Amino acid sequence: MTARILLIEDEPSIAEVAGFALTSEGFQVTWRTLICEAEAELTAAPCDLLILDLGLPDGSGLELLKRLRRDSEIPVLILSARNAELDRVLGLELGADDYVTKPFSPRELAARVKAILKRTVRNPPVINKIDIVPNVGKTWFEVDEVRATIQFHHHPLDLTCYEYLLLKTLLAQPERVFSRAQLMDQVWSDPTASFERSVDTHIKTLRAKLREINAALDPIRTHRGLGYSIHVCDDS
């Protein structure tokens, strides 16, 4: 089935280049120039991935991303002329799956889109629900790989794609210390295009969401100079 991509970009020349690169790879591309048009399009017909410019005539692309992440996990690739590290970090922290700066390589853009779609297509495992550490103490976490959700103390976590993949990676091997580079290799489709601060940023937001459920626990542990690990159950 052909993946449908919604491109939100107000510069026709850039939209033309991006659209041609993506349609050449077999994607179906719908182009909109305004946030209001894009929101109407998303309501009318679902799409598989959103390519989002940040500076749009009727508002900020980041504000649209915030609204989307309240109830949607649609993959989002930011395509922006803003190349400062702060803009990249903010975009990723708000839930973007990737960040590409202008000017860009059309072939690289298409490759990044394919990588995101490949990563977000989830094949149901044999077991629907799994406890990360069965039969050992009182397990705090439960992963549902079919629905790509994680519960903490029986409360579902509202996670972005990267937060989900990071937490799932840590939970797969409790107490193991993962370096930032190892986490990037496991979670990011193209680790060389990201930076280690992205891991720290997403760990910070993960911790905040865990504290919202139980402020007394801090299962994600920082090992200075090494990386991160996770503790998953009650030792009592």
C-alpha atoms as a PDB file:
ATOM      1  CA  MET A   1       0.000   0.000   0.000  1.00  0.00           C
ATOM      2  CA  THR A   2       1.367   3.421  -0.998  1.00  0.00           C
ATOM      3  CA  ALA A   3       2.291   5.605   1.951  1.00  0.00           C
ATOM      4  CA  ARG A   4       0.552   8.976   2.000  1.00  0.00           C
ATOM      5  CA  ILE A   5       2.614  12.004   3.009  1.00  0.00           C
ATOM      6  CA  LEU A   6       1.285  15.422   3.939  1.00  0.00           C
ATOM      7  CA  LEU A   7       3.793  18.180   3.100  1.00  0.00           C
ATOM      8  CA  ILE A   8       3.247  21.533   4.840  1.00  0.00           C
ATOM      9  CA  GLU A   9       5.501  24.074   3.145  1.00  0.00           C
ATOM     10  CA  ASP A  10       4.752  27.642   2.024  1.00  0.00           C
ATOM     11  CA  GLU A  11       7.597  28.002  -0.493  1.00  0.00           C
ATOM     12  CA  PRO A  12       6.479  26.511  -3.836  1.00  0.00           C
ATOM     13  CA  SER A  13      10.022  25.881  -5.086  1.00  0.00           C
ATOM     14  CA  ILE A  14      10.909  23.820  -2.020  1.00  0.00           C
ATOM     15  CA  ALA A  15       7.593  21.978  -2.076  1.00  0.00           C
ATOM     16  CA  GLU A  16       8.139  21.132  -5.737  1.00  0.00           C
ATOM     17  CA  VAL A  17      11.610  19.669  -5.104  1.00  0.00           C
ATOM     18  CA  ALA A  18      10.489  17.696  -2.047  1.00  0.00           C
ATOM     19  CA  GLY A  19       7.316  16.491  -3.745  1.00  0.00           C
ATOM     20  CA  PHE A  20       9.179  15.300  -6.829  1.00  0.00           C
ATOM     21  CA  ALA A  21      11.766  13.427  -4.731  1.00  0.00           C
ATOM     22  CA  LEU A  22       9.061  11.655  -2.733  1.00  0.00           C
ATOM     23  CA  THR A  23       6.726  10.806  -5.612  1.00  0.00           C
ATOM     24  CA  SER A  24       9.720   9.413  -7.497  1.00  0.00           C
ATOM     25  CA  GLU A  25      10.103   6.941  -4.621  1.00  0.00           C
ATOM     26  CA  GLY A  26       6.470   5.883  -4.932  1.00  0.00           C
ATOM     27  CA  PHE A  27       4.927   8.014  -2.161  1.00  0.00           C
ATOM     28  CA  GLN A  28       1.633   9.832  -2.516  1.00  0.00           C
ATOM     29  CA  VAL A  29       2.210  13.479  -1.598  1.00  0.00           C
ATOM     30  CA  THR A  30      -0.392  16.072  -0.636  1.00  0.00           C
ATOM     31  CA  TRP A  31       0.883  19.652  -0.398  1.00  0.00           C
ATOM     32  CA  ARG A  32      -0.581  22.352   1.835  1.00  0.00           C
ATOM     33  CA  THR A  33       0.793  25.834   2.566  1.00  0.00           C
ATOM     34  CA  LEU A  34      -1.113  26.765   5.727  1.00  0.00           C
ATOM     35  CA  ILE A  35      -1.563  25.173   9.144  1.00  0.00           C
ATOM     36  CA  CYS A  36      -5.338  25.538   8.962  1.00  0.00           C
ATOM     37  CA  GLU A  37      -5.356  23.728   5.607  1.00  0.00           C
ATOM     38  CA  ALA A  38      -3.150  20.970   6.995  1.00  0.00           C
ATOM     39  CA  GLU A  39      -5.371  20.435  10.041  1.00  0.00           C
ATOM     40  CA  ALA A  40      -8.420  20.223   7.810  1.00  0.00           C
ATOM     41  CA  GLU A  41      -6.618  17.709   5.596  1.00  0.00           C
ATOM     42  CA  LEU A  42      -5.632  15.567   8.593  1.00  0.00           C
ATOM     43  CA  THR A  43      -9.222  15.550   9.781  1.00  0.00           C
ATOM     44  CA  ALA A  44     -10.572  14.647   6.359  1.00  0.00           C
ATOM     45  CA  ALA A  45      -8.091  11.905   5.465  1.00  0.00           C
ATOM     46  CA  PRO A  46      -5.418  10.144   7.515  1.00  0.00           C
ATOM     47  CA  CYS A  47      -1.823  10.192   6.332  1.00  0.00           C
ATOM     48  CA  ASP A  48       1.224   8.080   7.167  1.00  0.00           C
ATOM     49  CA  LEU A  49       3.766  10.858   7.714  1.00  0.00           C
ATOM     50  CA  LEU A  50       3.857  14.626   8.035  1.00  0.00           C
ATOM     51  CA  ILE A  51       6.651  16.856   6.701  1.00  0.00           C
ATOM     52  CA  LEU A  52       6.441  20.138   8.542  1.00  0.00           C
ATOM     53  CA  ASP A  53       8.008  23.546   7.963  1.00  0.00           C
ATOM     54  CA  LEU A  54       8.302  25.685  11.107  1.00  0.00           C
ATOM     55  CA  GLY A  55       7.781  29.187   9.742  1.00  0.00           C
ATOM     56  CA  LEU A  56       4.348  29.241   8.104  1.00  0.00           C
ATOM     57  CA  PRO A  57       2.172  32.232   7.147  1.00  0.00           C
ATOM     58  CA  ASP A  58      -0.589  31.466   9.667  1.00  0.00           C
ATOM     59  CA  GLY A  59       1.473  30.267  12.619  1.00  0.00           C
ATOM     60  CA  SER A  60       4.307  28.181  13.992  1.00  0.00           C
ATOM     61  CA  GLY A  61       4.862  24.606  12.922  1.00  0.00           C
ATOM     62  CA  LEU A  62       5.964  23.849  16.493  1.00  0.00           C
ATOM     63  CA  GLU A  63       2.526  24.837  17.790  1.00  0.00           C
ATOM     64  CA  LEU A  64       0.944  22.435  15.309  1.00  0.00           C
ATOM     65  CA  LEU A  65       3.340  19.711  16.475  1.00  0.00           C
ATOM     66  CA  LYS A  66       2.319  20.349  20.109  1.00  0.00           C
ATOM     67  CA  ARG A  67      -1.365  19.988  19.232  1.00  0.00           C
ATOM     68  CA  LEU A  68      -0.742  16.831  17.224  1.00  0.00           C
ATOM     69  CA  ARG A  69       1.175  15.155  20.038  1.00  0.00           C
ATOM     70  CA  ARG A  70      -1.729  15.538  22.439  1.00  0.00           C
ATOM     71  CA  ASP A  71      -3.580  12.694  20.746  1.00  0.00           C
ATOM     72  CA  SER A  72      -1.601  11.505  17.722  1.00  0.00           C
ATOM     73  CA  GLU A  73       1.570   9.500  17.105  1.00  0.00           C
ATOM     74  CA  ILE A  74       1.731  10.259  13.387  1.00  0.00           C
ATOM     75  CA  PRO A  75       5.415  10.417  12.359  1.00  0.00           C
ATOM     76  CA  VAL A  76       6.622  13.993  11.843  1.00  0.00           C
ATOM     77  CA  LEU A  77       9.737  15.133   9.990  1.00  0.00           C
ATOM     78  CA  ILE A  78      10.585  18.808  10.453  1.00  0.00           C
ATOM     79  CA  LEU A  79      11.968  20.503   7.330  1.00  0.00           C
ATOM     80  CA  SER A  80      13.226  23.943   8.288  1.00  0.00           C
ATOM     81  CA  ALA A  81      15.764  26.645   7.502  1.00  0.00           C
ATOM     82  CA  ARG A  82      16.396  26.977  11.245  1.00  0.00           C
ATOM     83  CA  ASN A  83      19.629  25.073  11.825  1.00  0.00           C
ATOM     84  CA  ALA A  84      20.514  26.144  15.378  1.00  0.00           C
ATOM     85  CA  GLU A  85      20.989  23.334  17.882  1.00  0.00           C
ATOM     86  CA  LEU A  86      18.278  24.833  20.119  1.00  0.00           C
ATOM     87  CA  ASP A  87      15.704  24.573  17.331  1.00  0.00           C
ATOM     88  CA  ARG A  88      16.666  20.949  16.660  1.00  0.00           C
ATOM     89  CA  VAL A  89      16.480  20.018  20.338  1.00  0.00           C
ATOM     90  CA  LEU A  90      13.129  21.773  20.782  1.00  0.00           C
ATOM     91  CA  GLY A  91      11.650  20.063  17.741  1.00  0.00           C
ATOM     92  CA  LEU A  92      12.772  16.631  18.914  1.00  0.00           C
ATOM     93  CA  GLU A  93      11.675  17.337  22.474  1.00  0.00           C
ATOM     94  CA  LEU A  94       8.182  18.214  21.266  1.00  0.00           C
ATOM     95  CA  GLY A  95       7.934  14.855  19.516  1.00  0.00           C
ATOM     96  CA  ALA A  96       9.354  15.172  15.997  1.00  0.00           C
ATOM     97  CA  ASP A  97      10.850  11.967  14.609  1.00  0.00           C
ATOM     98  CA  ASP A  98      13.562  13.699  12.580  1.00  0.00           C
ATOM     99  CA  TYR A  99      14.831  17.168  11.690  1.00  0.00           C
ATOM    100  CA  VAL A 100      16.203  18.144   8.276  1.00  0.00           C
ATOM    101  CA  THR A 101      17.580  21.605   7.560  1.00  0.00           C
ATOM    102  CA  LYS A 102      17.333  23.618   4.352  1.00  0.00           C
ATOM    103  CA  PRO A 103      18.969  23.532   1.898  1.00  0.00           C
ATOM    104  CA  PHE A 104      18.577  19.776   1.758  1.00  0.00           C
ATOM    105  CA  SER A 105      19.377  16.833  -0.467  1.00  0.00           C
ATOM    106  CA  PRO A 106      16.170  15.485  -2.063  1.00  0.00           C
ATOM    107  CA  ARG A 107      17.600  11.958  -2.014  1.00  0.00           C
ATOM    108  CA  GLU A 108      18.470  12.247   1.661  1.00  0.00           C
ATOM    109  CA  LEU A 109      14.991  13.550   2.451  1.00  0.00           C
ATOM    110  CA  ALA A 110      13.413  10.558   0.719  1.00  0.00           C
ATOM    111  CA  ALA A 111      15.794   8.199   2.532  1.00  0.00           C
ATOM    112  CA  ARG A 112      14.929   9.698   5.913  1.00  0.00           C
ATOM    113  CA  VAL A 113      11.204   9.400   5.176  1.00  0.00           C
ATOM    114  CA  LYS A 114      11.636   5.744   4.255  1.00  0.00           C
ATOM    115  CA  ALA A 115      13.641   5.111   7.434  1.00  0.00           C
ATOM    116  CA  ILE A 116      10.973   6.714   9.630  1.00  0.00           C
ATOM    117  CA  LEU A 117       8.167   4.752   7.985  1.00  0.00           C
ATOM    118  CA  LYS A 118      10.123   1.516   8.258  1.00  0.00           C
ATOM    119  CA  ARG A 119      10.737   2.110  11.938  1.00  0.00           C
ATOM    120  CA  THR A 120       7.155   3.039  12.754  1.00  0.00           C
ATOM    121  CA  VAL A 121       5.544   0.075  10.994  1.00  0.00           C
ATOM    122  CA  ARG A 122       4.990  -2.297  13.849  1.00  0.00           C
ATOM    123  CA  ASN A 123       4.529  -6.006  13.245  1.00  0.00           C
ATOM    124  CA  PRO A 124       2.543  -7.723  16.032  1.00  0.00           C
ATOM    125  CA  PRO A 125       4.717 -10.084  18.090  1.00  0.00           C
ATOM    126  CA  VAL A 126       3.667 -13.578  19.084  1.00  0.00           C
ATOM    127  CA  ILE A 127       2.980 -12.436  22.662  1.00  0.00           C
ATOM    128  CA  ASN A 128       0.579  -9.537  23.053  1.00  0.00           C
ATOM    129  CA  LYS A 129       1.527  -8.267  26.491  1.00  0.00           C
ATOM    130  CA  ILE A 130       4.774  -8.911  28.332  1.00  0.00           C
ATOM    131  CA  ASP A 131       6.080  -8.035  31.753  1.00  0.00           C
ATOM    132  CA  ILE A 132       9.685  -6.976  31.405  1.00  0.00           C
ATOM    133  CA  VAL A 133      10.817  -8.942  34.467  1.00  0.00           C
ATOM    134  CA  PRO A 134       8.218 -11.687  35.072  1.00  0.00           C
ATOM    135  CA  ASN A 135       8.081 -13.400  38.450  1.00  0.00           C
ATOM    136  CA  VAL A 136      10.733 -11.166  40.039  1.00  0.00           C
ATOM    137  CA  GLY A 137       9.468  -8.916  42.805  1.00  0.00           C
ATOM    138  CA  LYS A 138       6.796  -6.406  41.908  1.00  0.00           C
ATOM    139  CA  THR A 139       7.268  -5.265  38.341  1.00  0.00           C
ATOM    140  CA  TRP A 140       6.570  -1.575  37.742  1.00  0.00           C
ATOM    141  CA  PHE A 141       6.387  -1.693  33.939  1.00  0.00           C
ATOM    142  CA  GLU A 142       4.267  -3.482  31.385  1.00  0.00           C
ATOM    143  CA  VAL A 143       4.858  -3.281  27.637  1.00  0.00           C
ATOM    144  CA  ASP A 144       2.202  -3.882  25.004  1.00  0.00           C
ATOM    145  CA  GLU A 145       4.150  -4.251  21.766  1.00  0.00           C
ATOM    146  CA  VAL A 146       1.053  -4.638  19.601  1.00  0.00           C
ATOM    147  CA  ARG A 147      -0.241  -1.228  20.604  1.00  0.00           C
ATOM    148  CA  ALA A 148       3.244   0.202  21.185  1.00  0.00           C
ATOM    149  CA  THR A 149       2.320   1.326  24.681  1.00  0.00           C
ATOM    150  CA  ILE A 150       3.989   1.097  28.092  1.00  0.00           C
ATOM    151  CA  GLN A 151       2.292   1.203  31.483  1.00  0.00           C
ATOM    152  CA  PHE A 152       3.957   2.357  34.687  1.00  0.00           C
ATOM    153  CA  HIS A 153       2.248   1.348  37.936  1.00  0.00           C
ATOM    154  CA  HIS A 154      -0.797   0.344  35.855  1.00  0.00           C
ATOM    155  CA  HIS A 155      -1.058   3.797  34.305  1.00  0.00           C
ATOM    156  CA  PRO A 156      -0.470   4.208  30.540  1.00  0.00           C
ATOM    157  CA  LEU A 157       2.354   6.557  29.609  1.00  0.00           C
ATOM    158  CA  ASP A 158       1.734   9.183  26.938  1.00  0.00           C
ATOM    159  CA  LEU A 159       4.973   8.751  24.990  1.00  0.00           C
ATOM    160  CA  THR A 160       6.364  10.117  21.762  1.00  0.00           C
ATOM    161  CA  CYS A 161       7.898   7.671  19.296  1.00  0.00           C
ATOM    162  CA  TYR A 162      11.460   8.264  20.522  1.00  0.00           C
ATOM    163  CA  GLU A 163      10.431   8.134  24.189  1.00  0.00           C
ATOM    164  CA  TYR A 164       8.693   4.813  23.608  1.00  0.00           C
ATOM    165  CA  LEU A 165      11.678   3.296  21.791  1.00  0.00           C
ATOM    166  CA  LEU A 166      14.167   4.582  24.375  1.00  0.00           C
ATOM    167  CA  LEU A 167      12.168   3.230  27.309  1.00  0.00           C
ATOM    168  CA  LYS A 168      11.547  -0.085  25.560  1.00  0.00           C
ATOM    169  CA  THR A 169      15.298  -0.437  24.882  1.00  0.00           C
ATOM    170  CA  LEU A 170      16.174   0.210  28.528  1.00  0.00           C
ATOM    171  CA  LEU A 171      13.459  -2.167  29.744  1.00  0.00           C
ATOM    172  CA  ALA A 172      14.644  -4.984  27.512  1.00  0.00           C
ATOM    173  CA  GLN A 173      17.801  -5.293  29.655  1.00  0.00           C
ATOM    174  CA  PRO A 174      17.140  -3.950  33.162  1.00  0.00           C
ATOM    175  CA  GLU A 175      20.163  -2.707  35.118  1.00  0.00           C
ATOM    176  CA  ARG A 176      22.355  -2.729  31.994  1.00  0.00           C
ATOM    177  CA  VAL A 177      24.173   0.553  31.478  1.00  0.00           C
ATOM    178  CA  PHE A 178      23.634   1.811  27.925  1.00  0.00           C
ATOM    179  CA  SER A 179      25.935   4.501  26.582  1.00  0.00           C
ATOM    180  CA  ARG A 180      24.352   7.378  24.700  1.00  0.00           C
ATOM    181  CA  ALA A 181      25.874   6.060  21.473  1.00  0.00           C
ATOM    182  CA  GLN A 182      24.330   2.615  22.064  1.00  0.00           C
ATOM    183  CA  LEU A 183      20.910   4.143  22.683  1.00  0.00           C
ATOM    184  CA  MET A 184      21.199   6.231  19.532  1.00  0.00           C
ATOM    185  CA  ASP A 185      22.094   3.125  17.516  1.00  0.00           C
ATOM    186  CA  GLN A 186      19.054   1.298  18.890  1.00  0.00           C
ATOM    187  CA  VAL A 187      16.499   4.098  18.580  1.00  0.00           C
ATOM    188  CA  TRP A 188      17.443   6.580  15.853  1.00  0.00           C
ATOM    189  CA  SER A 189      17.167   5.488  12.229  1.00  0.00           C
ATOM    190  CA  ASP A 190      20.282   7.487  11.319  1.00  0.00           C
ATOM    191  CA  PRO A 191      22.365   8.015  14.488  1.00  0.00           C
ATOM    192  CA  THR A 192      25.056   9.915  12.587  1.00  0.00           C
ATOM    193  CA  ALA A 193      22.535  12.630  11.736  1.00  0.00           C
ATOM    194  CA  SER A 194      21.547  13.164  15.375  1.00  0.00           C
ATOM    195  CA  PHE A 195      23.588  14.111  18.410  1.00  0.00           C
ATOM    196  CA  GLU A 196      24.035  12.679  21.896  1.00  0.00           C
ATOM    197  CA  ARG A 197      22.192  15.557  23.527  1.00  0.00           C
ATOM    198  CA  SER A 198      19.017  14.187  21.905  1.00  0.00           C
ATOM    199  CA  VAL A 199      19.261  11.177  24.227  1.00  0.00           C
ATOM    200  CA  ASP A 200      19.578  13.417  27.297  1.00  0.00           C
ATOM    201  CA  THR A 201      16.616  15.511  26.165  1.00  0.00           C
ATOM    202  CA  HIS A 202      14.327  12.512  25.737  1.00  0.00           C
ATOM    203  CA  ILE A 203      15.483  10.917  28.998  1.00  0.00           C
ATOM    204  CA  LYS A 204      14.567  14.179  30.749  1.00  0.00           C
ATOM    205  CA  THR A 205      11.032  14.160  29.321  1.00  0.00           C
ATOM    206  CA  LEU A 206      10.653  10.445  30.132  1.00  0.00           C
ATOM    207  CA  ARG A 207      11.594  11.065  33.760  1.00  0.00           C
ATOM    208  CA  ALA A 208       9.064  13.882  33.984  1.00  0.00           C
ATOM    209  CA  LYS A 209       6.281  11.624  32.713  1.00  0.00           C
ATOM    210  CA  LEU A 210       7.224   8.861  35.169  1.00  0.00           C
ATOM    211  CA  ARG A 211       7.214  11.359  38.053  1.00  0.00           C
ATOM    212  CA  GLU A 212       3.697  12.466  37.090  1.00  0.00           C
ATOM    213  CA  ILE A 213       2.543   8.940  37.930  1.00  0.00           C
ATOM    214  CA  ASN A 214       4.758   8.278  40.961  1.00  0.00           C
ATOM    215  CA  ALA A 215       6.918  11.119  42.196  1.00  0.00           C
ATOM    216  CA  ALA A 216       8.656   8.888  44.746  1.00  0.00           C
ATOM    217  CA  LEU A 217      10.298   6.687  42.135  1.00  0.00           C
ATOM    218  CA  ASP A 218      13.098   7.473  39.703  1.00  0.00           C
ATOM    219  CA  PRO A 219      13.709   4.175  37.882  1.00  0.00           C
ATOM    220  CA  ILE A 220      15.945   5.681  35.171  1.00  0.00           C
ATOM    221  CA  ARG A 221      19.455   5.957  36.578  1.00  0.00           C
ATOM    222  CA  THR A 222      22.223   8.199  35.298  1.00  0.00           C
ATOM    223  CA  HIS A 223      25.772   6.818  35.324  1.00  0.00           C
ATOM    224  CA  ARG A 224      28.060   9.819  34.914  1.00  0.00           C
ATOM    225  CA  GLY A 225      30.449   9.437  32.027  1.00  0.00           C
ATOM    226  CA  LEU A 226      28.808   6.156  31.020  1.00  0.00           C
ATOM    227  CA  GLY A 227      25.127   6.494  30.193  1.00  0.00           C
ATOM    228  CA  TYR A 228      21.775   5.276  31.525  1.00  0.00           C
ATOM    229  CA  SER A 229      20.161   2.172  33.022  1.00  0.00           C
ATOM    230  CA  ILE A 230      16.743   1.345  34.433  1.00  0.00           C
ATOM    231  CA  HIS A 231      15.508  -0.378  37.592  1.00  0.00           C
ATOM    232  CA  VAL A 232      12.187  -2.100  37.032  1.00  0.00           C
ATOM    233  CA  CYS A 233      10.818  -3.683  40.181  1.00  0.00           C
ATOM    234  CA  ASP A 234      10.296  -3.426  43.910  1.00  0.00           C
ATOM    235  CA  ASP A 235      13.196  -5.004  45.786  1.00  0.00           C
ATOM    236  CA  SER A 236      11.097  -5.752  48.844  1.00  0.00           C
END
